[in-house]
Amino acid sequence: MTAQTIPVLDLQDFTSGQKSEAFVQAFGQALSDWGFFSLVNHGVEQRLIDAAYGAAEAFFALPEATKIQYQIAELKGQRGFTQFGTEHAKDSEAPDLKEFWHLGREQPTAHPRQLSQ
């Protein structure tokens, strides 16, 4: 039996232009099949990655009562903290066994995709 691993994409394939179409195809396929992927050669410094992991670890170690203060109910999990067991996979009765912090690119107030609060 062969072990499966998540797709690993190389951003240089896209930025170099030589394999950009193949990258885009692999990107779409990874999201369609897996829902995520690992990205290498992205240029983000390791110290920034380590700091982000440290901040996440510190946040999720907080007491539940503290984390809940960062839940934005009206945004339905689109930003901020989402409590363990809140989200459900599509067409599933069972809750997902995860908690998470959702963030995204901020849009100008007048932007058609701006989330209302």
PDB file of N, CA and C in Angstrom:
ATOM      1  N   MET A   1       0.837  -1.172   0.000  1.00  0.00           N
ATOM      2  CA  MET A   1       0.000   0.000   0.000  1.00  0.00           C
ATOM      3  C   MET A   1       0.894   1.252   0.000  1.00  0.00           C
ATOM      4  N   THR A   2       0.584   2.204  -0.854  1.00  0.00           N
ATOM      5  CA  THR A   2       1.347   3.436  -0.967  1.00  0.00           C
ATOM      6  C   THR A   2       0.766   4.499  -0.043  1.00  0.00           C
ATOM      7  N   ALA A   3       1.641   5.158   0.702  1.00  0.00           N
ATOM      8  CA  ALA A   3       1.191   6.223   1.598  1.00  0.00           C
ATOM      9  C   ALA A   3       0.807   7.448   0.777  1.00  0.00           C
ATOM     10  N   GLN A   4      -0.307   8.063   1.131  1.00  0.00           N
ATOM     11  CA  GLN A   4      -0.735   9.278   0.452  1.00  0.00           C
ATOM     12  C   GLN A   4      -0.204  10.483   1.203  1.00  0.00           C
ATOM     13  N   THR A   5       0.153  11.511   0.468  1.00  0.00           N
ATOM     14  CA  THR A   5       0.548  12.769   1.077  1.00  0.00           C
ATOM     15  C   THR A   5      -0.246  13.883   0.405  1.00  0.00           C
ATOM     16  N   ILE A   6      -0.367  14.986   1.099  1.00  0.00           N
ATOM     17  CA  ILE A   6      -1.063  16.111   0.490  1.00  0.00           C
ATOM     18  C   ILE A   6      -0.223  16.641  -0.673  1.00  0.00           C
ATOM     19  N   PRO A   7      -0.858  17.305  -1.624  1.00  0.00           N
ATOM     20  CA  PRO A   7      -0.113  17.860  -2.754  1.00  0.00           C
ATOM     21  C   PRO A   7       0.882  18.926  -2.286  1.00  0.00           C
ATOM     22  N   VAL A   8       2.032  18.949  -2.910  1.00  0.00           N
ATOM     23  CA  VAL A   8       3.055  19.963  -2.650  1.00  0.00           C
ATOM     24  C   VAL A   8       3.251  20.738  -3.942  1.00  0.00           C
ATOM     25  N   LEU A   9       2.981  22.036  -3.885  1.00  0.00           N
ATOM     26  CA  LEU A   9       3.122  22.895  -5.062  1.00  0.00           C
ATOM     27  C   LEU A   9       4.304  23.819  -4.875  1.00  0.00           C
ATOM     28  N   ASP A  10       4.989  24.119  -5.968  1.00  0.00           N
ATOM     29  CA  ASP A  10       6.163  24.983  -5.960  1.00  0.00           C
ATOM     30  C   ASP A  10       5.787  26.322  -6.592  1.00  0.00           C
ATOM     31  N   LEU A  11       5.790  27.384  -5.801  1.00  0.00           N
ATOM     32  CA  LEU A  11       5.385  28.687  -6.304  1.00  0.00           C
ATOM     33  C   LEU A  11       6.298  29.182  -7.423  1.00  0.00           C
ATOM     34  N   GLN A  12       7.542  28.741  -7.433  1.00  0.00           N
ATOM     35  CA  GLN A  12       8.447  29.142  -8.524  1.00  0.00           C
ATOM     36  C   GLN A  12       7.977  28.617  -9.873  1.00  0.00           C
ATOM     37  N   ASP A  13       7.236  27.525  -9.872  1.00  0.00           N
ATOM     38  CA  ASP A  13       6.670  27.027 -11.131  1.00  0.00           C
ATOM     39  C   ASP A  13       5.724  28.073 -11.719  1.00  0.00           C
ATOM     40  N   PHE A  14       5.001  28.768 -10.848  1.00  0.00           N
ATOM     41  CA  PHE A  14       4.063  29.790 -11.310  1.00  0.00           C
ATOM     42  C   PHE A  14       4.775  31.099 -11.637  1.00  0.00           C
ATOM     43  N   THR A  15       5.643  31.549 -10.729  1.00  0.00           N
ATOM     44  CA  THR A  15       6.267  32.857 -10.912  1.00  0.00           C
ATOM     45  C   THR A  15       7.286  32.881 -12.035  1.00  0.00           C
ATOM     46  N   SER A  16       7.877  31.736 -12.354  1.00  0.00           N
ATOM     47  CA  SER A  16       8.859  31.704 -13.444  1.00  0.00           C
ATOM     48  C   SER A  16       8.184  31.800 -14.806  1.00  0.00           C
ATOM     49  N   GLY A  17       6.901  31.432 -14.844  1.00  0.00           N
ATOM     50  CA  GLY A  17       6.168  31.469 -16.111  1.00  0.00           C
ATOM     51  C   GLY A  17       6.368  30.238 -16.967  1.00  0.00           C
ATOM     52  N   GLN A  18       7.382  29.448 -16.670  1.00  0.00           N
ATOM     53  CA  GLN A  18       7.663  28.274 -17.496  1.00  0.00           C
ATOM     54  C   GLN A  18       6.680  27.134 -17.260  1.00  0.00           C
ATOM     55  N   LYS A  19       6.179  27.029 -16.040  1.00  0.00           N
ATOM     56  CA  LYS A  19       5.246  25.956 -15.708  1.00  0.00           C
ATOM     57  C   LYS A  19       3.972  26.530 -15.094  1.00  0.00           C
ATOM     58  N   SER A  20       3.643  27.777 -15.419  1.00  0.00           N
ATOM     59  CA  SER A  20       2.525  28.434 -14.743  1.00  0.00           C
ATOM     60  C   SER A  20       1.187  27.752 -15.020  1.00  0.00           C
ATOM     61  N   GLU A  21       0.961  27.277 -16.237  1.00  0.00           N
ATOM     62  CA  GLU A  21      -0.300  26.605 -16.536  1.00  0.00           C
ATOM     63  C   GLU A  21      -0.403  25.292 -15.769  1.00  0.00           C
ATOM     64  N   ALA A  22       0.684  24.551 -15.682  1.00  0.00           N
ATOM     65  CA  ALA A  22       0.692  23.303 -14.919  1.00  0.00           C
ATOM     66  C   ALA A  22       0.458  23.589 -13.436  1.00  0.00           C
ATOM     67  N   PHE A  23       1.047  24.678 -12.935  1.00  0.00           N
ATOM     68  CA  PHE A  23       0.843  25.061 -11.538  1.00  0.00           C
ATOM     69  C   PHE A  23      -0.632  25.352 -11.275  1.00  0.00           C
ATOM     70  N   VAL A  24      -1.252  26.135 -12.156  1.00  0.00           N
ATOM     71  CA  VAL A  24      -2.660  26.496 -11.990  1.00  0.00           C
ATOM     72  C   VAL A  24      -3.534  25.236 -12.010  1.00  0.00           C
ATOM     73  N   GLN A  25      -3.235  24.316 -12.899  1.00  0.00           N
ATOM     74  CA  GLN A  25      -3.988  23.058 -12.959  1.00  0.00           C
ATOM     75  C   GLN A  25      -3.815  22.253 -11.670  1.00  0.00           C
ATOM     76  N   ALA A  26      -2.572  22.150 -11.199  1.00  0.00           N
ATOM     77  CA  ALA A  26      -2.292  21.399  -9.965  1.00  0.00           C
ATOM     78  C   ALA A  26      -2.937  22.083  -8.760  1.00  0.00           C
ATOM     79  N   PHE A  27      -2.942  23.404  -8.750  1.00  0.00           N
ATOM     80  CA  PHE A  27      -3.571  24.193  -7.687  1.00  0.00           C
ATOM     81  C   PHE A  27      -5.061  23.860  -7.613  1.00  0.00           C
ATOM     82  N   GLY A  28      -5.737  23.931  -8.744  1.00  0.00           N
ATOM     83  CA  GLY A  28      -7.168  23.624  -8.788  1.00  0.00           C
ATOM     84  C   GLY A  28      -7.461  22.195  -8.404  1.00  0.00           C
ATOM     85  N   GLN A  29      -6.648  21.280  -8.890  1.00  0.00           N
ATOM     86  CA  GLN A  29      -6.848  19.857  -8.581  1.00  0.00           C
ATOM     87  C   GLN A  29      -6.647  19.591  -7.094  1.00  0.00           C
ATOM     88  N   ALA A  30      -5.624  20.219  -6.504  1.00  0.00           N
ATOM     89  CA  ALA A  30      -5.373  20.032  -5.069  1.00  0.00           C
ATOM     90  C   ALA A  30      -6.555  20.519  -4.243  1.00  0.00           C
ATOM     91  N   LEU A  31      -7.097  21.668  -4.609  1.00  0.00           N
ATOM     92  CA  LEU A  31      -8.240  22.194  -3.860  1.00  0.00           C
ATOM     93  C   LEU A  31      -9.484  21.349  -4.083  1.00  0.00           C
ATOM     94  N   SER A  32      -9.661  20.849  -5.288  1.00  0.00           N
ATOM     95  CA  SER A  32     -10.817  20.009  -5.597  1.00  0.00           C
ATOM     96  C   SER A  32     -10.735  18.663  -4.874  1.00  0.00           C
ATOM     97  N   ASP A  33      -9.561  18.044  -4.893  1.00  0.00           N
ATOM     98  CA  ASP A  33      -9.400  16.704  -4.322  1.00  0.00           C
ATOM     99  C   ASP A  33      -9.165  16.704  -2.815  1.00  0.00           C
ATOM    100  N   TRP A  34      -8.393  17.678  -2.326  1.00  0.00           N
ATOM    101  CA  TRP A  34      -7.961  17.665  -0.933  1.00  0.00           C
ATOM    102  C   TRP A  34      -8.523  18.828  -0.107  1.00  0.00           C
ATOM    103  N   GLY A  35      -8.727  19.959  -0.759  1.00  0.00           N
ATOM    104  CA  GLY A  35      -9.170  21.146  -0.037  1.00  0.00           C
ATOM    105  C   GLY A  35      -8.027  22.009   0.458  1.00  0.00           C
ATOM    106  N   PHE A  36      -6.802  21.575   0.273  1.00  0.00           N
ATOM    107  CA  PHE A  36      -5.623  22.334   0.684  1.00  0.00           C
ATOM    108  C   PHE A  36      -4.383  21.719   0.054  1.00  0.00           C
ATOM    109  N   PHE A  37      -3.230  22.355   0.268  1.00  0.00           N
ATOM    110  CA  PHE A  37      -1.966  21.867  -0.270  1.00  0.00           C
ATOM    111  C   PHE A  37      -0.837  22.511   0.506  1.00  0.00           C
ATOM    112  N   SER A  38       0.362  22.029   0.306  1.00  0.00           N
ATOM    113  CA  SER A  38       1.559  22.630   0.883  1.00  0.00           C
ATOM    114  C   SER A  38       2.258  23.413  -0.220  1.00  0.00           C
ATOM    115  N   LEU A  39       2.776  24.584   0.110  1.00  0.00           N
ATOM    116  CA  LEU A  39       3.440  25.437  -0.875  1.00  0.00           C
ATOM    117  C   LEU A  39       4.896  25.619  -0.494  1.00  0.00           C
ATOM    118  N   VAL A  40       5.796  25.323  -1.419  1.00  0.00           N
ATOM    119  CA  VAL A  40       7.234  25.512  -1.196  1.00  0.00           C
ATOM    120  C   VAL A  40       7.749  26.630  -2.093  1.00  0.00           C
ATOM    121  N   ASN A  41       8.924  27.133  -1.760  1.00  0.00           N
ATOM    122  CA  ASN A  41       9.577  28.224  -2.499  1.00  0.00           C
ATOM    123  C   ASN A  41       8.673  29.458  -2.595  1.00  0.00           C
ATOM    124  N   HIS A  42       8.041  29.781  -1.466  1.00  0.00           N
ATOM    125  CA  HIS A  42       7.121  30.920  -1.387  1.00  0.00           C
ATOM    126  C   HIS A  42       7.812  32.205  -0.970  1.00  0.00           C
ATOM    127  N   GLY A  43       9.014  32.113  -0.438  1.00  0.00           N
ATOM    128  CA  GLY A  43       9.768  33.301  -0.064  1.00  0.00           C
ATOM    129  C   GLY A  43       9.468  33.866   1.309  1.00  0.00           C
ATOM    130  N   VAL A  44       8.596  33.241   2.078  1.00  0.00           N
ATOM    131  CA  VAL A  44       8.299  33.726   3.427  1.00  0.00           C
ATOM    132  C   VAL A  44       9.419  33.249   4.347  1.00  0.00           C
ATOM    133  N   GLU A  45      10.006  34.196   5.075  1.00  0.00           N
ATOM    134  CA  GLU A  45      11.129  33.866   5.949  1.00  0.00           C
ATOM    135  C   GLU A  45      10.692  32.913   7.058  1.00  0.00           C
ATOM    136  N   GLN A  46      11.564  31.965   7.400  1.00  0.00           N
ATOM    137  CA  GLN A  46      11.257  30.974   8.431  1.00  0.00           C
ATOM    138  C   GLN A  46      10.944  31.630   9.765  1.00  0.00           C
ATOM    139  N   ARG A  47      11.593  32.738  10.097  1.00  0.00           N
ATOM    140  CA  ARG A  47      11.315  33.401  11.382  1.00  0.00           C
ATOM    141  C   ARG A  47       9.876  33.906  11.443  1.00  0.00           C
ATOM    142  N   LEU A  48       9.318  34.334  10.304  1.00  0.00           N
ATOM    143  CA  LEU A  48       7.922  34.770  10.286  1.00  0.00           C
ATOM    144  C   LEU A  48       6.974  33.585  10.431  1.00  0.00           C
ATOM    145  N   ILE A  49       7.318  32.486   9.798  1.00  0.00           N
ATOM    146  CA  ILE A  49       6.515  31.265   9.931  1.00  0.00           C
ATOM    147  C   ILE A  49       6.522  30.801  11.379  1.00  0.00           C
ATOM    148  N   ASP A  50       7.697  30.784  11.995  1.00  0.00           N
ATOM    149  CA  ASP A  50       7.822  30.367  13.394  1.00  0.00           C
ATOM    150  C   ASP A  50       7.031  31.292  14.318  1.00  0.00           C
ATOM    151  N   ALA A  51       7.071  32.599  14.053  1.00  0.00           N
ATOM    152  CA  ALA A  51       6.317  33.556  14.869  1.00  0.00           C
ATOM    153  C   ALA A  51       4.815  33.323  14.731  1.00  0.00           C
ATOM    154  N   ALA A  52       4.354  33.033  13.524  1.00  0.00           N
ATOM    155  CA  ALA A  52       2.931  32.770  13.309  1.00  0.00           C
ATOM    156  C   ALA A  52       2.493  31.510  14.056  1.00  0.00           C
ATOM    157  N   TYR A  53       3.288  30.450  13.977  1.00  0.00           N
ATOM    158  CA  TYR A  53       2.961  29.233  14.719  1.00  0.00           C
ATOM    159  C   TYR A  53       2.958  29.494  16.223  1.00  0.00           C
ATOM    160  N   GLY A  54       3.911  30.298  16.701  1.00  0.00           N
ATOM    161  CA  GLY A  54       3.959  30.632  18.123  1.00  0.00           C
ATOM    162  C   GLY A  54       2.733  31.404  18.574  1.00  0.00           C
ATOM    163  N   ALA A  55       2.287  32.358  17.759  1.00  0.00           N
ATOM    164  CA  ALA A  55       1.092  33.140  18.090  1.00  0.00           C
ATOM    165  C   ALA A  55      -0.146  32.242  18.105  1.00  0.00           C
ATOM    166  N   ALA A  56      -0.253  31.340  17.134  1.00  0.00           N
ATOM    167  CA  ALA A  56      -1.389  30.421  17.090  1.00  0.00           C
ATOM    168  C   ALA A  56      -1.383  29.498  18.305  1.00  0.00           C
ATOM    169  N   GLU A  57      -0.226  28.969  18.635  1.00  0.00           N
ATOM    170  CA  GLU A  57      -0.124  28.081  19.798  1.00  0.00           C
ATOM    171  C   GLU A  57      -0.523  28.813  21.078  1.00  0.00           C
ATOM    172  N   ALA A  58      -0.074  30.055  21.225  1.00  0.00           N
ATOM    173  CA  ALA A  58      -0.420  30.839  22.416  1.00  0.00           C
ATOM    174  C   ALA A  58      -1.924  31.109  22.473  1.00  0.00           C
ATOM    175  N   PHE A  59      -2.522  31.463  21.340  1.00  0.00           N
ATOM    176  CA  PHE A  59      -3.955  31.754  21.333  1.00  0.00           C
ATOM    177  C   PHE A  59      -4.769  30.512  21.707  1.00  0.00           C
ATOM    178  N   PHE A  60      -4.492  29.382  21.062  1.00  0.00           N
ATOM    179  CA  PHE A  60      -5.304  28.186  21.292  1.00  0.00           C
ATOM    180  C   PHE A  60      -5.063  27.561  22.658  1.00  0.00           C
ATOM    181  N   ALA A  61      -4.014  28.002  23.364  1.00  0.00           N
ATOM    182  CA  ALA A  61      -3.779  27.545  24.741  1.00  0.00           C
ATOM    183  C   ALA A  61      -4.582  28.367  25.749  1.00  0.00           C
ATOM    184  N   LEU A  62      -5.204  29.458  25.306  1.00  0.00           N
ATOM    185  CA  LEU A  62      -6.004  30.293  26.204  1.00  0.00           C
ATOM    186  C   LEU A  62      -7.239  29.536  26.691  1.00  0.00           C
ATOM    187  N   PRO A  63      -7.787  29.969  27.817  1.00  0.00           N
ATOM    188  CA  PRO A  63      -9.041  29.353  28.280  1.00  0.00           C
ATOM    189  C   PRO A  63     -10.166  29.586  27.274  1.00  0.00           C
ATOM    190  N   GLU A  64     -11.111  28.652  27.223  1.00  0.00           N
ATOM    191  CA  GLU A  64     -12.236  28.744  26.283  1.00  0.00           C
ATOM    192  C   GLU A  64     -12.988  30.067  26.432  1.00  0.00           C
ATOM    193  N   ALA A  65     -13.183  30.517  27.658  1.00  0.00           N
ATOM    194  CA  ALA A  65     -13.921  31.765  27.906  1.00  0.00           C
ATOM    195  C   ALA A  65     -13.218  32.961  27.262  1.00  0.00           C
ATOM    196  N   THR A  66     -11.921  32.936  27.200  1.00  0.00           N
ATOM    197  CA  THR A  66     -11.167  34.032  26.573  1.00  0.00           C
ATOM    198  C   THR A  66     -11.283  33.945  25.055  1.00  0.00           C
ATOM    199  N   LYS A  67     -11.114  32.743  24.511  1.00  0.00           N
ATOM    200  CA  LYS A  67     -11.185  32.576  23.055  1.00  0.00           C
ATOM    201  C   LYS A  67     -12.565  32.962  22.519  1.00  0.00           C
ATOM    202  N   ILE A  68     -13.606  32.632  23.250  1.00  0.00           N
ATOM    203  CA  ILE A  68     -14.984  32.914  22.802  1.00  0.00           C
ATOM    204  C   ILE A  68     -15.207  34.411  22.608  1.00  0.00           C
ATOM    205  N   GLN A  69     -14.466  35.233  23.312  1.00  0.00           N
ATOM    206  CA  GLN A  69     -14.607  36.685  23.161  1.00  0.00           C
ATOM    207  C   GLN A  69     -14.236  37.140  21.748  1.00  0.00           C
ATOM    208  N   TYR A  70     -13.537  36.299  21.007  1.00  0.00           N
ATOM    209  CA  TYR A  70     -13.104  36.624  19.645  1.00  0.00           C
ATOM    210  C   TYR A  70     -13.991  35.986  18.583  1.00  0.00           C
ATOM    211  N   GLN A  71     -15.112  35.439  18.993  1.00  0.00           N
ATOM    212  CA  GLN A  71     -16.074  34.854  18.061  1.00  0.00           C
ATOM    213  C   GLN A  71     -17.018  35.959  17.590  1.00  0.00           C
ATOM    214  N   ILE A  72     -17.208  36.081  16.281  1.00  0.00           N
ATOM    215  CA  ILE A  72     -18.074  37.118  15.700  1.00  0.00           C
ATOM    216  C   ILE A  72     -19.277  36.399  15.100  1.00  0.00           C
ATOM    217  N   ALA A  73     -20.309  36.234  15.903  1.00  0.00           N
ATOM    218  CA  ALA A  73     -21.462  35.408  15.527  1.00  0.00           C
ATOM    219  C   ALA A  73     -22.085  35.832  14.206  1.00  0.00           C
ATOM    220  N   GLU A  74     -22.235  37.133  13.981  1.00  0.00           N
ATOM    221  CA  GLU A  74     -22.911  37.596  12.764  1.00  0.00           C
ATOM    222  C   GLU A  74     -22.126  37.282  11.490  1.00  0.00           C
ATOM    223  N   LEU A  75     -20.851  36.992  11.599  1.00  0.00           N
ATOM    224  CA  LEU A  75     -20.057  36.639  10.417  1.00  0.00           C
ATOM    225  C   LEU A  75     -19.998  35.129  10.191  1.00  0.00           C
ATOM    226  N   LYS A  76     -20.638  34.372  11.055  1.00  0.00           N
ATOM    227  CA  LYS A  76     -20.791  32.918  10.894  1.00  0.00           C
ATOM    228  C   LYS A  76     -19.478  32.199  10.583  1.00  0.00           C
ATOM    229  N   GLY A  77     -18.439  32.545  11.318  1.00  0.00           N
ATOM    230  CA  GLY A  77     -17.162  31.865  11.175  1.00  0.00           C
ATOM    231  C   GLY A  77     -16.275  32.381  10.059  1.00  0.00           C
ATOM    232  N   GLN A  78     -16.681  33.439   9.380  1.00  0.00           N
ATOM    233  CA  GLN A  78     -15.878  33.955   8.271  1.00  0.00           C
ATOM    234  C   GLN A  78     -14.681  34.789   8.736  1.00  0.00           C
ATOM    235  N   ARG A  79     -14.689  35.222   9.994  1.00  0.00           N
ATOM    236  CA  ARG A  79     -13.558  35.932  10.584  1.00  0.00           C
ATOM    237  C   ARG A  79     -13.539  35.624  12.075  1.00  0.00           C
ATOM    238  N   GLY A  80     -12.344  35.647  12.646  1.00  0.00           N
ATOM    239  CA  GLY A  80     -12.207  35.446  14.082  1.00  0.00           C
ATOM    240  C   GLY A  80     -12.229  33.989  14.492  1.00  0.00           C
ATOM    241  N   PHE A  81     -12.543  33.763  15.755  1.00  0.00           N
ATOM    242  CA  PHE A  81     -12.505  32.433  16.363  1.00  0.00           C
ATOM    243  C   PHE A  81     -13.784  31.648  16.076  1.00  0.00           C
ATOM    244  N   THR A  82     -13.622  30.364  15.810  1.00  0.00           N
ATOM    245  CA  THR A  82     -14.752  29.442  15.704  1.00  0.00           C
ATOM    246  C   THR A  82     -14.504  28.312  16.686  1.00  0.00           C
ATOM    247  N   GLN A  83     -15.454  28.111  17.563  1.00  0.00           N
ATOM    248  CA  GLN A  83     -15.362  27.153  18.655  1.00  0.00           C
ATOM    249  C   GLN A  83     -15.384  25.707  18.164  1.00  0.00           C
ATOM    250  N   PHE A  84     -14.744  24.828  18.919  1.00  0.00           N
ATOM    251  CA  PHE A  84     -14.707  23.388  18.647  1.00  0.00           C
ATOM    252  C   PHE A  84     -16.125  22.853  18.474  1.00  0.00           C
ATOM    253  N   GLY A  85     -16.345  22.057  17.432  1.00  0.00           N
ATOM    254  CA  GLY A  85     -17.627  21.407  17.226  1.00  0.00           C
ATOM    255  C   GLY A  85     -18.703  22.283  16.626  1.00  0.00           C
ATOM    256  N   THR A  86     -18.355  23.494  16.188  1.00  0.00           N
ATOM    257  CA  THR A  86     -19.341  24.421  15.639  1.00  0.00           C
ATOM    258  C   THR A  86     -19.585  24.177  14.158  1.00  0.00           C
ATOM    259  N   GLU A  87     -18.533  23.977  13.408  1.00  0.00           N
ATOM    260  CA  GLU A  87     -18.634  23.844  11.955  1.00  0.00           C
ATOM    261  C   GLU A  87     -18.959  22.400  11.569  1.00  0.00           C
ATOM    262  N   HIS A  88     -19.689  22.255  10.467  1.00  0.00           N
ATOM    263  CA  HIS A  88     -20.035  20.937   9.921  1.00  0.00           C
ATOM    264  C   HIS A  88     -19.572  20.853   8.466  1.00  0.00           C
ATOM    265  N   ALA A  89     -19.053  19.710   8.082  1.00  0.00           N
ATOM    266  CA  ALA A  89     -18.723  19.489   6.676  1.00  0.00           C
ATOM    267  C   ALA A  89     -20.027  19.453   5.876  1.00  0.00           C
ATOM    268  N   LYS A  90     -19.937  19.805   4.622  1.00  0.00           N
ATOM    269  CA  LYS A  90     -21.118  19.823   3.760  1.00  0.00           C
ATOM    270  C   LYS A  90     -21.861  18.490   3.822  1.00  0.00           C
ATOM    271  N   ASP A  91     -23.162  18.568   4.017  1.00  0.00           N
ATOM    272  CA  ASP A  91     -24.049  17.409   4.055  1.00  0.00           C
ATOM    273  C   ASP A  91     -23.758  16.445   5.207  1.00  0.00           C
ATOM    274  N   SER A  92     -23.091  16.918   6.252  1.00  0.00           N
ATOM    275  CA  SER A  92     -22.780  16.054   7.385  1.00  0.00           C
ATOM    276  C   SER A  92     -23.539  16.511   8.622  1.00  0.00           C
ATOM    277  N   GLU A  93     -24.083  15.552   9.346  1.00  0.00           N
ATOM    278  CA  GLU A  93     -24.758  15.842  10.612  1.00  0.00           C
ATOM    279  C   GLU A  93     -23.746  16.017  11.739  1.00  0.00           C
ATOM    280  N   ALA A  94     -22.602  15.365  11.618  1.00  0.00           N
ATOM    281  CA  ALA A  94     -21.594  15.385  12.682  1.00  0.00           C
ATOM    282  C   ALA A  94     -20.768  16.671  12.623  1.00  0.00           C
ATOM    283  N   PRO A  95     -20.499  17.272  13.782  1.00  0.00           N
ATOM    284  CA  PRO A  95     -19.668  18.482  13.789  1.00  0.00           C
ATOM    285  C   PRO A  95     -18.206  18.144  13.512  1.00  0.00           C
ATOM    286  N   ASP A  96     -17.498  19.110  12.922  1.00  0.00           N
ATOM    287  CA  ASP A  96     -16.053  18.952  12.722  1.00  0.00           C
ATOM    288  C   ASP A  96     -15.358  18.997  14.082  1.00  0.00           C
ATOM    289  N   LEU A  97     -14.322  18.216  14.219  1.00  0.00           N
ATOM    290  CA  LEU A  97     -13.579  18.142  15.477  1.00  0.00           C
ATOM    291  C   LEU A  97     -12.387  19.084  15.429  1.00  0.00           C
ATOM    292  N   LYS A  98     -12.703  20.381  15.344  1.00  0.00           N
ATOM    293  CA  LYS A  98     -11.642  21.382  15.269  1.00  0.00           C
ATOM    294  C   LYS A  98     -12.171  22.707  15.791  1.00  0.00           C
ATOM    295  N   GLU A  99     -11.250  23.545  16.196  1.00  0.00           N
ATOM    296  CA  GLU A  99     -11.516  24.943  16.457  1.00  0.00           C
ATOM    297  C   GLU A  99     -10.520  25.702  15.592  1.00  0.00           C
ATOM    298  N   PHE A 100     -10.853  26.933  15.220  1.00  0.00           N
ATOM    299  CA  PHE A 100      -9.923  27.643  14.347  1.00  0.00           C
ATOM    300  C   PHE A 100     -10.119  29.144  14.407  1.00  0.00           C
ATOM    301  N   TRP A 101      -9.149  29.843  13.842  1.00  0.00           N
ATOM    302  CA  TRP A 101      -9.178  31.289  13.692  1.00  0.00           C
ATOM    303  C   TRP A 101      -9.191  31.555  12.199  1.00  0.00           C
ATOM    304  N   HIS A 102     -10.218  32.227  11.722  1.00  0.00           N
ATOM    305  CA  HIS A 102     -10.367  32.492  10.292  1.00  0.00           C
ATOM    306  C   HIS A 102     -10.011  33.951  10.025  1.00  0.00           C
ATOM    307  N   LEU A 103      -9.152  34.149   9.058  1.00  0.00           N
ATOM    308  CA  LEU A 103      -8.813  35.503   8.639  1.00  0.00           C
ATOM    309  C   LEU A 103      -8.816  35.567   7.138  1.00  0.00           C
ATOM    310  N   GLY A 104      -8.819  36.766   6.614  1.00  0.00           N
ATOM    311  CA  GLY A 104      -8.820  36.942   5.175  1.00  0.00           C
ATOM    312  C   GLY A 104      -8.422  38.358   4.827  1.00  0.00           C
ATOM    313  N   ARG A 105      -8.268  38.573   3.565  1.00  0.00           N
ATOM    314  CA  ARG A 105      -7.880  39.889   3.089  1.00  0.00           C
ATOM    315  C   ARG A 105      -8.995  40.887   3.422  1.00  0.00           C
ATOM    316  N   GLU A 106      -8.604  42.023   3.953  1.00  0.00           N
ATOM    317  CA  GLU A 106      -9.579  43.061   4.267  1.00  0.00           C
ATOM    318  C   GLU A 106      -9.872  43.858   2.998  1.00  0.00           C
ATOM    319  N   GLN A 107     -11.139  44.166   2.797  1.00  0.00           N
ATOM    320  CA  GLN A 107     -11.588  44.922   1.625  1.00  0.00           C
ATOM    321  C   GLN A 107     -12.030  46.317   2.065  1.00  0.00           C
ATOM    322  N   PRO A 108     -11.924  47.315   1.172  1.00  0.00           N
ATOM    323  CA  PRO A 108     -12.457  48.635   1.492  1.00  0.00           C
ATOM    324  C   PRO A 108     -13.952  48.527   1.802  1.00  0.00           C
ATOM    325  N   THR A 109     -14.457  49.408   2.619  1.00  0.00           N
ATOM    326  CA  THR A 109     -15.859  49.371   3.043  1.00  0.00           C
ATOM    327  C   THR A 109     -16.823  49.292   1.869  1.00  0.00           C
ATOM    328  N   ALA A 110     -16.550  49.990   0.780  1.00  0.00           N
ATOM    329  CA  ALA A 110     -17.467  50.032  -0.363  1.00  0.00           C
ATOM    330  C   ALA A 110     -17.298  48.849  -1.316  1.00  0.00           C
ATOM    331  N   HIS A 111     -16.347  47.971  -1.063  1.00  0.00           N
ATOM    332  CA  HIS A 111     -16.089  46.840  -1.959  1.00  0.00           C
ATOM    333  C   HIS A 111     -17.281  45.881  -1.940  1.00  0.00           C
ATOM    334  N   PRO A 112     -17.715  45.352  -3.114  1.00  0.00           N
ATOM    335  CA  PRO A 112     -18.883  44.462  -3.153  1.00  0.00           C
ATOM    336  C   PRO A 112     -18.710  43.169  -2.351  1.00  0.00           C
ATOM    337  N   ARG A 113     -17.488  42.769  -2.087  1.00  0.00           N
ATOM    338  CA  ARG A 113     -17.260  41.546  -1.304  1.00  0.00           C
ATOM    339  C   ARG A 113     -16.915  41.828   0.151  1.00  0.00           C
ATOM    340  N   GLN A 114     -17.069  43.058   0.577  1.00  0.00           N
ATOM    341  CA  GLN A 114     -16.783  43.423   1.968  1.00  0.00           C
ATOM    342  C   GLN A 114     -17.774  42.708   2.888  1.00  0.00           C
ATOM    343  N   LEU A 115     -17.252  42.068   3.934  1.00  0.00           N
ATOM    344  CA  LEU A 115     -18.111  41.422   4.918  1.00  0.00           C
ATOM    345  C   LEU A 115     -18.737  42.486   5.795  1.00  0.00           C
ATOM    346  N   SER A 116     -20.019  42.417   6.017  1.00  0.00           N
ATOM    347  CA  SER A 116     -20.665  43.390   6.889  1.00  0.00           C
ATOM    348  C   SER A 116     -20.613  42.894   8.318  1.00  0.00           C
ATOM    349  N   GLN A 117     -20.445  43.829   9.238  1.00  0.00           N
ATOM    350  CA  GLN A 117     -20.393  43.475  10.660  1.00  0.00           C
ATOM    351  C   GLN A 117     -21.505  44.120  11.407  1.00  0.00           C
TER     352      GLN A 117
END
